[in-house]
Amino acid sequence: MNVRQKKPMTELSHSRLHYYILNHVVETGFAPSIAHLADQFGQTESAVRNALTALQAYHGVVLHPHNSEVWVIHPFSMAPTNFLLRKDEMEWWGNCAWCSLGAASLLGGDVTITTTLGANSKQVQLRIKEGTLLDSGYYVHFPIPMTNAWDNVIFTCSTMLLFAEKADIETWSRRHNLPKGDIQPAEVILEFAKVWYGNHMRADWRKWTLAEAKAIFEQFNLTHRIWEMPDSEGRF
């Protein structure tokens, strides 16, 4: 989709809005404004705000609390984070280690993720070439249970960090009074992220059902209590 060509539309469904915003982020490095979306969809800015608010309730975006502009559309952040992605001459921010690996898979090609271990240590780079992680030996820490991830998703993402040693996570958790959760090799999370974010740039995107989310977790042997999901209807 070429977001630079004006193609007025009238539908503001979750899937259509999410599809346009995410493709715009991938192509430009930033989210379209409410004014841009109103022009693109042939709608009033008020209608766009209402549609974005509904999409946020569906957990499709996170909006700035004071102006309803897009702050986060997973796996990308519109504000600086501990994860910077570069491809060719372009840059994006990822929300966390999981998001950044997913963002790299959406971007495709050769992507470099620059981050600081534990957000308090050494700066490192993860190089991903055509979907393959070239820099091995790193771990991703997941301290927040998935059932609580959306209680404050900005906080949740900020804690999903990269580490070089499993022992460092024990020290990090104790120092910052944060729970020690699941620890997974970065290579596993890259493959997991490819599947988790695999439908995000589709025009018919929708959130995973809880049953689908559980099946994906099981596919990658994510069996720690952190990944437990309720046996109920809903989406994640």
Protein backbone atom coordinates (compact mmCIF):
# COMPACT_ATOMS: atom_id res chain seq x y z
CA MET A 1 0.00 0.00 0.00
CA ASN A 2 1.40 3.38 -0.97
CA VAL A 3 0.36 5.72 1.85
CA ARG A 4 1.44 8.75 -0.16
CA GLN A 5 -1.38 8.37 -2.63
CA LYS A 6 -4.65 9.83 -1.44
CA LYS A 7 -7.36 7.22 -1.77
CA PRO A 8 -10.44 8.51 0.08
CA MET A 9 -12.28 5.79 1.97
CA THR A 10 -15.32 5.83 4.20
CA GLU A 11 -14.84 2.71 6.34
CA LEU A 12 -13.21 3.15 9.74
CA SER A 13 -13.28 -0.46 10.87
CA HIS A 14 -10.61 -1.75 13.27
CA SER A 15 -8.89 -3.76 10.53
CA ARG A 16 -8.91 -0.99 7.92
CA LEU A 17 -7.64 1.67 10.35
CA HIS A 18 -4.98 -0.62 11.84
CA TYR A 19 -3.84 -1.68 8.36
CA TYR A 20 -3.41 1.88 7.17
CA ILE A 21 -1.64 3.14 10.31
CA LEU A 22 0.81 0.25 10.53
CA ASN A 23 1.71 0.38 6.85
CA HIS A 24 2.25 4.14 7.19
CA VAL A 25 4.62 3.54 10.12
CA VAL A 26 6.60 0.94 8.18
CA GLU A 27 6.87 3.18 5.10
CA THR A 28 7.60 6.50 6.82
CA GLY A 29 8.87 5.73 10.34
CA PHE A 30 6.02 7.55 12.08
CA ALA A 31 2.26 7.32 12.52
CA PRO A 32 -0.22 9.37 10.48
CA SER A 33 -1.86 12.24 12.34
CA ILE A 34 -5.58 12.45 13.04
CA ALA A 35 -5.81 15.18 10.40
CA HIS A 36 -4.06 12.94 7.87
CA LEU A 37 -6.37 10.03 8.65
CA ALA A 38 -9.44 12.24 8.35
CA ASP A 39 -8.31 13.38 4.91
CA GLN A 40 -7.36 9.87 3.81
CA PHE A 41 -10.62 8.26 4.94
CA GLY A 42 -12.87 11.16 3.96
CA GLN A 43 -14.07 11.51 7.56
CA THR A 44 -14.22 14.26 10.16
CA GLU A 45 -11.46 14.44 12.74
CA SER A 46 -14.07 13.73 15.41
CA ALA A 47 -15.04 10.51 13.65
CA VAL A 48 -11.39 9.49 13.42
CA ARG A 49 -10.86 10.17 17.14
CA ASN A 50 -13.86 8.01 17.97
CA ALA A 51 -12.57 5.23 15.72
CA LEU A 52 -9.10 5.42 17.26
CA THR A 53 -10.59 5.32 20.76
CA ALA A 54 -12.53 2.20 19.80
CA LEU A 55 -9.38 0.66 18.32
CA GLN A 56 -7.56 1.40 21.57
CA ALA A 57 -10.30 -0.34 23.55
CA TYR A 58 -9.73 -3.33 21.25
CA HIS A 59 -6.01 -3.11 22.14
CA GLY A 60 -5.06 -2.29 18.56
CA VAL A 61 -3.28 0.97 19.42
CA VAL A 62 -2.30 3.07 22.43
CA LEU A 63 -3.16 6.76 22.15
CA HIS A 64 -1.63 9.82 23.75
CA PRO A 65 -3.95 10.58 26.68
CA HIS A 66 -4.35 14.29 25.90
CA ASN A 67 -4.74 14.44 22.13
CA SER A 68 -5.69 10.94 20.89
CA GLU A 69 -2.78 10.75 18.44
CA VAL A 70 -1.17 7.33 18.00
CA TRP A 71 1.51 6.66 20.62
CA VAL A 72 1.97 2.91 20.05
CA ILE A 73 0.84 0.48 17.39
CA HIS A 74 2.48 -2.80 18.24
CA PRO A 75 5.19 -3.68 17.57
CA PHE A 76 6.23 -0.04 17.01
CA SER A 77 6.42 2.95 19.35
CA MET A 78 6.16 6.55 18.15
CA ALA A 79 8.20 7.73 21.15
CA PRO A 80 11.85 6.92 21.92
CA THR A 81 12.46 3.62 23.71
CA ASN A 82 15.34 1.36 24.66
CA PHE A 83 15.06 -0.35 21.24
CA LEU A 84 16.10 1.38 18.03
CA LEU A 85 15.66 -0.41 14.71
CA ARG A 86 17.54 0.59 11.58
CA LYS A 87 17.06 -0.58 8.01
CA ASP A 88 18.95 1.19 5.25
CA GLU A 89 18.51 4.91 6.01
CA MET A 90 15.34 4.57 8.09
CA GLU A 91 14.73 4.22 11.84
CA TRP A 92 11.92 2.99 14.07
CA TRP A 93 11.48 2.38 17.80
CA GLY A 94 10.31 -0.95 19.17
CA ASN A 95 8.43 -1.17 22.48
CA CYS A 96 10.40 -4.10 23.91
CA ALA A 97 12.64 -7.00 22.90
CA TRP A 98 9.65 -9.07 21.76
CA CYS A 99 8.16 -6.17 19.80
CA SER A 100 11.50 -5.25 18.24
CA LEU A 101 12.10 -8.75 16.97
CA GLY A 102 8.56 -8.74 15.59
CA ALA A 103 9.10 -5.33 14.00
CA ALA A 104 12.25 -6.62 12.32
CA SER A 105 10.26 -9.47 10.81
CA LEU A 106 7.64 -7.03 9.47
CA LEU A 107 10.31 -4.76 8.00
CA GLY A 108 12.11 -7.66 6.32
CA GLY A 109 15.55 -7.56 4.77
CA ASP A 110 18.55 -6.56 6.89
CA VAL A 111 17.61 -4.90 10.20
CA THR A 112 19.77 -3.88 13.16
CA ILE A 113 18.30 -3.54 16.66
CA THR A 114 20.32 -1.39 19.06
CA THR A 115 19.48 -1.74 22.75
CA THR A 116 20.99 -1.52 26.22
CA LEU A 117 21.16 -4.76 28.19
CA GLY A 118 18.72 -4.57 31.07
CA ALA A 119 18.22 -0.88 30.20
CA ASN A 120 21.13 -0.20 32.56
CA SER A 121 24.23 -1.87 31.15
CA LYS A 122 26.11 -2.40 27.93
CA GLN A 123 24.74 -1.27 24.56
CA VAL A 124 24.57 -4.08 22.01
CA GLN A 125 23.29 -4.69 18.51
CA LEU A 126 21.26 -7.56 17.17
CA ARG A 127 21.67 -8.03 13.45
CA ILE A 128 18.87 -9.75 11.58
CA LYS A 129 19.52 -10.70 7.99
CA GLU A 130 16.57 -11.91 5.94
CA GLY A 131 14.85 -13.22 9.05
CA THR A 132 17.92 -14.88 10.62
CA LEU A 133 19.44 -13.61 13.87
CA LEU A 134 23.19 -13.28 13.39
CA ASP A 135 24.05 -12.40 16.99
CA SER A 136 23.32 -15.31 19.33
CA GLY A 137 23.73 -15.83 23.06
CA TYR A 138 21.18 -13.26 24.28
CA TYR A 139 18.06 -13.76 26.37
CA VAL A 140 14.71 -12.01 26.62
CA HIS A 141 13.12 -11.63 30.08
CA PHE A 142 9.34 -11.61 30.52
CA PRO A 143 8.53 -10.52 34.11
CA ILE A 144 4.84 -9.59 33.71
CA PRO A 145 2.15 -12.29 33.34
CA MET A 146 0.38 -12.10 30.00
CA THR A 147 -2.97 -11.86 31.80
CA ASN A 148 -1.78 -8.51 33.21
CA ALA A 149 0.04 -7.27 30.11
CA TRP A 150 -2.64 -4.76 29.15
CA ASP A 151 -3.13 -3.39 32.67
CA ASN A 152 -0.42 -0.92 31.68
CA VAL A 153 1.03 -2.10 28.40
CA ILE A 154 3.61 0.71 28.25
CA PHE A 155 5.06 -0.46 31.57
CA THR A 156 4.80 -4.11 30.55
CA CYS A 157 6.75 -3.50 27.36
CA SER A 158 9.38 -1.43 29.17
CA THR A 159 10.29 -4.46 31.29
CA MET A 160 10.74 -6.99 28.44
CA LEU A 161 14.46 -6.49 28.05
CA LEU A 162 17.50 -8.18 26.56
CA PHE A 163 20.23 -9.76 28.72
CA ALA A 164 23.53 -11.47 27.97
CA GLU A 165 23.49 -13.85 30.94
CA LYS A 166 20.64 -15.55 32.79
CA ALA A 167 22.35 -14.76 36.09
CA ASP A 168 22.14 -11.05 35.31
CA ILE A 169 18.35 -11.29 35.35
CA GLU A 170 18.34 -12.51 38.97
CA THR A 171 20.45 -9.53 40.01
CA TRP A 172 18.40 -7.12 37.89
CA SER A 173 15.09 -8.31 39.35
CA ARG A 174 16.32 -8.03 42.92
CA ARG A 175 17.90 -4.61 42.38
CA HIS A 176 14.76 -3.11 40.85
CA ASN A 177 12.22 -5.01 42.97
CA LEU A 178 10.62 -6.49 39.87
CA PRO A 179 9.55 -10.11 39.51
CA LYS A 180 11.73 -12.69 37.84
CA GLY A 181 9.63 -14.27 35.13
CA ASP A 182 10.30 -16.37 32.06
CA ILE A 183 13.64 -16.31 30.25
CA GLN A 184 13.85 -17.26 26.59
CA PRO A 185 16.69 -17.26 24.04
CA ALA A 186 16.40 -14.36 21.60
CA GLU A 187 16.41 -16.83 18.70
CA VAL A 188 13.24 -18.47 20.05
CA ILE A 189 11.51 -15.13 20.53
CA LEU A 190 12.39 -14.05 17.00
CA GLU A 191 10.64 -17.12 15.57
CA PHE A 192 7.75 -16.64 17.98
CA ALA A 193 7.46 -12.96 17.03
CA LYS A 194 7.31 -13.85 13.33
CA VAL A 195 4.16 -15.85 14.00
CA TRP A 196 2.68 -13.51 16.62
CA TYR A 197 2.97 -10.45 14.36
CA GLY A 198 2.52 -12.41 11.16
CA ASN A 199 -0.98 -11.06 10.47
CA HIS A 200 -0.39 -7.48 11.60
CA MET A 201 0.09 -5.95 8.16
CA ARG A 202 -2.89 -7.71 6.62
CA ALA A 203 -5.99 -5.81 5.55
CA ASP A 204 -8.11 -8.33 7.48
CA TRP A 205 -6.08 -8.06 10.70
CA ARG A 206 -7.76 -8.90 13.98
CA LYS A 207 -6.56 -9.65 17.50
CA TRP A 208 -5.79 -13.26 18.39
CA THR A 209 -8.46 -15.03 20.38
CA LEU A 210 -7.33 -16.36 23.76
CA ALA A 211 -7.43 -19.88 22.34
CA GLU A 212 -5.28 -18.84 19.37
CA ALA A 213 -2.82 -17.04 21.67
CA LYS A 214 -2.50 -20.13 23.88
CA ALA A 215 -1.89 -22.30 20.82
CA ILE A 216 0.90 -20.00 19.62
CA PHE A 217 2.50 -20.01 23.08
CA GLU A 218 2.38 -23.82 23.09
CA GLN A 219 3.83 -23.96 19.57
CA PHE A 220 7.02 -22.34 20.88
CA ASN A 221 7.00 -24.23 24.18
CA LEU A 222 6.23 -21.12 26.21
CA THR A 223 4.95 -23.03 29.21
CA HIS A 224 6.10 -20.86 32.13
CA ARG A 225 3.28 -19.53 34.35
CA ILE A 226 3.88 -16.10 32.77
CA TRP A 227 2.19 -17.36 29.60
CA GLU A 228 -0.89 -18.86 31.24
CA MET A 229 -4.18 -17.63 29.75
CA PRO A 230 -7.74 -18.10 31.02
CA ASP A 231 -10.06 -20.66 29.48
CA SER A 232 -12.59 -18.07 28.37
CA GLU A 233 -13.68 -16.10 25.37
CA GLY A 234 -11.93 -12.89 24.44
CA ARG A 235 -8.90 -11.63 22.57
CA PHE A 236 -5.32 -10.86 23.46
